[in-house]
């Protein structure tokens, strides 16, 4: 299966990758349950793009396409500090697309991605 590719690379300083060290389940009317995560768990990345109007429309269309039948996997290009751009398999976290800043024709768009740590060729 060929995966879609998100061609917009998030700004380098704009994303925070966190490993899921502790998993939790919330319960109504009671305390939640917690357990230690397993090695190799995916990162949750809050990514941000500074784009023009066309880039904003592209990200919105990609978001809608990615969530049309559940959260479909895709390839995202990420630039980690002191590294070149690497490709990773990712999923979009539903409900996470936000336009946080609109200044003239420049938009700051944020989205939470669930990213596999292993690089793709």
Protein backbone atom coordinates (compact mmCIF):
# COMPACT_ATOMS: atom_id res chain seq x y z
CA UNK A 1 0.00 0.00 0.00
CA UNK A 2 1.38 3.38 -1.01
CA UNK A 3 0.99 5.99 1.71
CA UNK A 4 0.10 9.61 1.10
CA UNK A 5 2.92 12.07 1.80
CA UNK A 6 2.52 15.39 3.59
CA UNK A 7 4.87 17.64 1.63
CA UNK A 8 4.82 20.57 4.06
CA UNK A 9 7.69 20.17 6.57
CA UNK A 10 6.87 21.57 10.04
CA UNK A 11 9.04 24.41 11.31
CA UNK A 12 12.09 23.04 13.11
CA UNK A 13 11.59 24.94 16.36
CA UNK A 14 7.85 24.45 16.40
CA UNK A 15 7.35 20.85 17.38
CA UNK A 16 7.79 18.96 20.60
CA UNK A 17 8.20 15.19 20.47
CA UNK A 18 7.18 13.33 23.59
CA UNK A 19 7.36 9.61 24.16
CA UNK A 20 4.37 7.94 25.79
CA UNK A 21 6.13 6.72 28.95
CA UNK A 22 2.90 6.29 30.91
CA UNK A 23 -0.40 5.21 29.41
CA UNK A 24 -3.64 6.17 31.09
CA UNK A 25 -7.33 5.40 30.82
CA UNK A 26 -9.86 7.76 32.38
CA UNK A 27 -12.92 6.37 34.13
CA UNK A 28 -16.12 8.27 34.86
CA UNK A 29 -16.65 8.80 38.55
CA UNK A 30 -13.37 7.27 39.65
CA UNK A 31 -9.63 7.28 39.45
CA UNK A 32 -8.00 6.43 36.15
CA UNK A 33 -5.71 3.48 35.49
CA UNK A 34 -2.06 3.93 34.59
CA UNK A 35 0.66 1.64 33.27
CA UNK A 36 4.19 2.05 31.99
CA UNK A 37 4.45 2.24 28.22
CA UNK A 38 6.52 -0.14 26.14
CA UNK A 39 9.74 0.68 24.27
CA UNK A 40 9.19 1.72 20.68
CA UNK A 41 5.91 3.53 21.39
CA UNK A 42 5.20 6.34 18.91
CA UNK A 43 5.88 10.00 19.59
CA UNK A 44 3.12 12.56 19.96
CA UNK A 45 4.23 15.63 18.07
CA UNK A 46 2.57 19.02 18.22
CA UNK A 47 3.70 20.35 14.84
CA UNK A 48 3.30 23.88 13.51
CA UNK A 49 3.54 25.23 10.00
CA UNK A 50 3.85 28.89 8.97
CA UNK A 51 2.09 28.97 5.60
CA UNK A 52 0.36 31.26 3.15
CA UNK A 53 -3.29 30.85 2.16
CA UNK A 54 -2.56 28.08 -0.35
CA UNK A 55 -0.49 26.16 2.24
CA UNK A 56 -3.33 26.57 4.75
CA UNK A 57 -5.84 25.14 2.27
CA UNK A 58 -3.43 22.25 1.52
CA UNK A 59 -3.09 21.36 5.23
CA UNK A 60 -6.86 21.53 5.76
CA UNK A 61 -7.49 19.27 2.75
CA UNK A 62 -4.80 16.83 3.91
CA UNK A 63 -6.36 16.78 7.40
CA UNK A 64 -9.84 16.05 6.01
CA UNK A 65 -8.47 13.36 3.67
CA UNK A 66 -6.47 11.73 6.46
CA UNK A 67 -9.53 11.49 8.70
CA UNK A 68 -12.07 10.55 6.02
CA UNK A 69 -12.01 6.83 6.94
CA UNK A 70 -10.61 6.90 10.45
CA UNK A 71 -7.07 8.13 10.87
CA UNK A 72 -5.22 6.92 7.78
CA UNK A 73 -1.42 6.53 7.94
CA UNK A 74 0.74 8.85 5.86
CA UNK A 75 4.39 9.84 5.48
CA UNK A 76 5.56 13.06 7.13
CA UNK A 77 8.95 14.70 6.71
CA UNK A 78 10.46 15.91 9.98
CA UNK A 79 13.60 17.91 10.66
CA UNK A 80 15.11 17.11 14.04
CA UNK A 81 17.84 19.35 15.50
CA UNK A 82 21.24 18.69 13.89
CA UNK A 83 19.73 16.26 11.39
CA UNK A 84 18.51 16.39 7.86
CA UNK A 85 14.88 15.85 6.92
CA UNK A 86 13.75 12.28 7.64
CA UNK A 87 10.53 10.51 6.66
CA UNK A 88 8.29 8.85 9.25
CA UNK A 89 4.95 7.03 9.20
CA UNK A 90 2.37 9.10 11.06
CA UNK A 91 -1.30 9.44 11.95
CA UNK A 92 -3.30 12.61 12.60
CA UNK A 93 -4.82 12.99 16.04
CA UNK A 94 -8.53 13.73 15.40
CA UNK A 95 -9.71 17.20 16.40
CA UNK A 96 -6.19 18.61 16.60
CA UNK A 97 -6.06 20.96 13.57
CA UNK A 98 -5.98 24.61 14.70
CA UNK A 99 -5.16 27.91 13.06
CA UNK A 100 -3.52 29.73 15.96
CA UNK A 101 -2.32 32.92 14.25
CA UNK A 102 -3.56 34.74 11.18
CA UNK A 103 -1.43 37.76 10.35
CA UNK A 104 -2.13 39.21 6.93
CA UNK A 105 -1.74 36.34 4.49
CA UNK A 106 0.39 34.23 6.87
CA UNK A 107 -1.19 31.47 8.95
CA UNK A 108 0.22 29.50 11.88
CA UNK A 109 -1.36 26.04 11.67
CA UNK A 110 -0.94 23.44 14.42
CA UNK A 111 -1.76 19.74 14.35
CA UNK A 112 -0.97 16.83 16.66
CA UNK A 113 0.65 13.88 14.94
CA UNK A 114 1.30 10.38 16.25
CA UNK A 115 4.63 9.46 14.67
CA UNK A 116 6.47 6.15 14.39
CA UNK A 117 10.07 6.60 15.58
CA UNK A 118 11.52 4.40 12.85
CA UNK A 119 12.64 6.25 9.75
CA UNK A 120 11.13 5.29 6.38
CA UNK A 121 13.11 5.00 3.15
